[in-house]
Amino acid sequence: MGTSRVPDLIDALVPRLAASSDLASVKVVDGPLVTDSAALEWLFVGYDGDQEGDFIAATAQQEWAGLGAKKKNEDITLTCAIVVERGSTEVRSCRSRTYEIFAAVENVLRNDPSLGFSTPTVCAVTEHTFHQAQTPDGIQGRLPFTVTCTTRI
């Protein structure tokens, strides 16, 4: 019996997002990344996109599936974020693009809510928050969101 599906969840989600044609122009990243990339659109899995944040990638709760079952139900909350930057101060286009990327993420999960895991497994976006800020480099939209996965190990 595995201890947790958290690592497997991240390993299953990142390549599916990276392979999505709707996310072709977005830099999909596993966790926080140190880079000198000039990319303006980012999708982080296991990171909320806040450089001042607490860097919690995921949380999980487990309970026994039943007496003698030797199986556990696990509820995983995976932290993710979209960051969109623009070289201008025009807010509307940044906000619209941020939510276009968010819709593409949801479509990946709707197309395969089990992410290839055995049943019973269901993963979905369950919560999000939108932040917008004018920076010295222009407008930035940051949308941290959670993917919740209910599974059995």
Foldseek 3Di string as FASTA:
>chain_A
DDPDCVVVVLVLQQVLLCPQPLCVLEAEEEFDDDDPDPRQKYKYKQAQPDPPDDSGAKDKDWDCPDPPPPKIKMKMKGKMKMKGFDQAADDPVQVVVRVSSVVSSQVSCVVPQQSPDDPPKGKGWDDKDWDWDQDPRYIMIMIMTIIIMIHMD
